[in-house]
Amino acid sequence: MKALCVAFGLIIALVAPHRALAFVDCEGTVNTLSMQMDTLGLVTLSLSGGPTYTYLCAVDGTVNGVSPTVCRTMYATLVTAKTTGKRVLIRFNDHASCSAIASWTLAGALGWTIVLTD
């Protein structure tokens, strides 16, 4: 009986649907970058390759799993990329494509950010 239960458990584990966590790396130049003058200082970003007007993080509170210290560093890096025309790459978790990241909403958990030298 115990062997039958173990076998049944293995079969269920193999055929049960699993939710795969997708991620997408969005790359492009910084089209728009802004910081809201509210209590959190929400940072909004648009990249040439998408996404458009998505909320990345906040300079005075944890948003999308990004601490304020990391957000301030990201913001400064993105300002530099914007002013120098450098391309950036940002990993967005739980999205299938850059265009699937909705505008004017929280982007969700972020992976990592790279400023690319052209």
Protein backbone atom coordinates (compact mmCIF):
# COMPACT_ATOMS: atom_id res chain seq x y z
CA MET A 1 0.00 0.00 0.00
CA LYS A 2 2.84 2.38 0.87
CA ALA A 3 4.50 1.70 -2.49
CA LEU A 4 1.21 2.39 -4.26
CA CYS A 5 0.86 5.75 -2.48
CA VAL A 6 4.42 6.72 -3.40
CA ALA A 7 3.85 5.72 -7.03
CA PHE A 8 0.58 7.65 -7.15
CA GLY A 9 2.31 10.71 -5.65
CA LEU A 10 5.03 10.55 -8.31
CA ILE A 11 2.47 10.29 -11.11
CA ILE A 12 0.59 13.32 -9.78
CA ALA A 13 3.83 15.28 -9.49
CA LEU A 14 4.74 14.48 -13.08
CA VAL A 15 1.40 15.30 -14.70
CA ALA A 16 0.24 18.20 -12.52
CA PRO A 17 0.65 21.57 -14.20
CA HIS A 18 3.55 23.64 -12.94
CA ARG A 19 3.64 27.41 -13.17
CA ALA A 20 6.88 28.38 -14.84
CA LEU A 21 8.24 31.73 -13.83
CA ALA A 22 9.10 33.50 -17.05
CA PHE A 23 11.38 36.48 -17.34
CA VAL A 24 12.31 38.83 -20.12
CA ASP A 25 15.40 40.95 -20.68
CA CYS A 26 14.39 44.34 -22.10
CA GLU A 27 17.11 46.31 -23.82
CA GLY A 28 17.21 49.78 -25.32
CA THR A 29 18.01 53.41 -24.78
CA VAL A 30 16.18 55.32 -22.07
CA ASN A 31 13.32 57.22 -23.72
CA THR A 32 11.74 58.61 -20.55
CA LEU A 33 12.79 58.57 -16.94
CA SER A 34 10.94 60.34 -14.18
CA MET A 35 10.51 60.42 -10.45
CA GLN A 36 7.17 61.27 -8.92
CA MET A 37 7.27 63.92 -6.25
CA ASP A 38 5.12 61.95 -3.83
CA THR A 39 5.82 60.23 -0.52
CA LEU A 40 7.61 57.31 -2.21
CA GLY A 41 9.41 58.95 -5.12
CA LEU A 42 8.20 56.36 -7.64
CA VAL A 43 10.58 55.97 -10.61
CA THR A 44 8.97 55.55 -14.04
CA LEU A 45 10.90 54.26 -17.07
CA SER A 46 10.38 53.81 -20.81
CA LEU A 47 12.96 52.00 -22.94
CA SER A 48 13.17 52.18 -26.72
CA GLY A 49 12.60 48.41 -26.89
CA GLY A 50 9.84 48.45 -24.27
CA PRO A 51 8.41 48.62 -21.69
CA THR A 52 6.70 52.00 -21.80
CA TYR A 53 5.99 54.07 -18.67
CA THR A 54 6.38 51.30 -16.14
CA TYR A 55 6.98 51.83 -12.42
CA LEU A 56 10.39 50.38 -11.52
CA CYS A 57 11.03 51.27 -7.90
CA ALA A 58 10.79 54.05 -5.32
CA VAL A 59 13.57 56.11 -3.76
CA ASP A 60 11.83 56.18 -0.36
CA GLY A 61 10.21 52.77 -0.01
CA THR A 62 10.54 49.18 -1.21
CA VAL A 63 8.62 48.65 -4.46
CA ASN A 64 8.84 45.63 -6.79
CA GLY A 65 11.23 44.05 -4.30
CA VAL A 66 13.78 46.86 -4.83
CA SER A 67 15.06 48.67 -1.74
CA PRO A 68 15.31 52.47 -1.72
CA THR A 69 19.12 52.33 -1.71
CA VAL A 70 19.21 50.11 -4.78
CA CYS A 71 16.52 52.24 -6.44
CA ARG A 72 18.56 55.42 -5.98
CA THR A 73 21.55 53.67 -7.55
CA MET A 74 19.40 52.43 -10.45
CA TYR A 75 17.97 55.91 -10.95
CA ALA A 76 21.42 57.52 -11.04
CA THR A 77 22.64 54.86 -13.47
CA LEU A 78 19.60 55.34 -15.72
CA VAL A 79 20.09 59.14 -15.68
CA THR A 80 23.67 58.57 -16.82
CA ALA A 81 22.50 56.18 -19.54
CA LYS A 82 19.90 58.73 -20.69
CA THR A 83 22.35 61.63 -20.86
CA THR A 84 25.07 59.61 -22.62
CA GLY A 85 22.80 57.66 -24.97
CA LYS A 86 23.98 54.29 -23.66
CA ARG A 87 21.80 51.22 -23.92
CA VAL A 88 20.57 49.44 -20.81
CA LEU A 89 19.27 45.95 -20.16
CA ILE A 90 16.80 45.26 -17.37
CA ARG A 91 15.42 41.84 -16.44
CA PHE A 92 11.72 41.79 -15.61
CA ASN A 93 10.44 38.66 -13.88
CA ASP A 94 7.01 37.14 -14.58
CA HIS A 95 6.60 38.60 -18.08
CA ALA A 96 6.75 36.87 -21.46
CA SER A 97 7.82 39.94 -23.47
CA CYS A 98 8.78 43.57 -23.02
CA SER A 99 5.50 44.67 -24.57
CA ALA A 100 3.58 42.51 -22.05
CA ILE A 101 4.67 44.81 -19.21
CA ALA A 102 1.71 47.13 -18.72
CA SER A 103 2.10 50.91 -18.78
CA TRP A 104 1.43 52.99 -15.68
CA THR A 105 1.53 49.99 -13.35
CA LEU A 106 4.14 48.31 -11.18
CA ALA A 107 6.56 46.29 -13.28
CA GLY A 108 6.71 43.48 -10.73
CA ALA A 109 9.84 41.81 -9.47
CA LEU A 110 13.03 42.91 -11.20
CA GLY A 111 16.08 40.79 -11.87
CA TRP A 112 19.15 42.82 -12.67
CA THR A 113 20.22 45.88 -14.61
CA ILE A 114 23.22 46.40 -16.88
CA VAL A 115 24.35 49.55 -18.60
CA LEU A 116 25.77 48.46 -21.93
CA THR A 117 28.64 50.22 -23.58
CA ASP A 118 28.01 50.57 -27.28
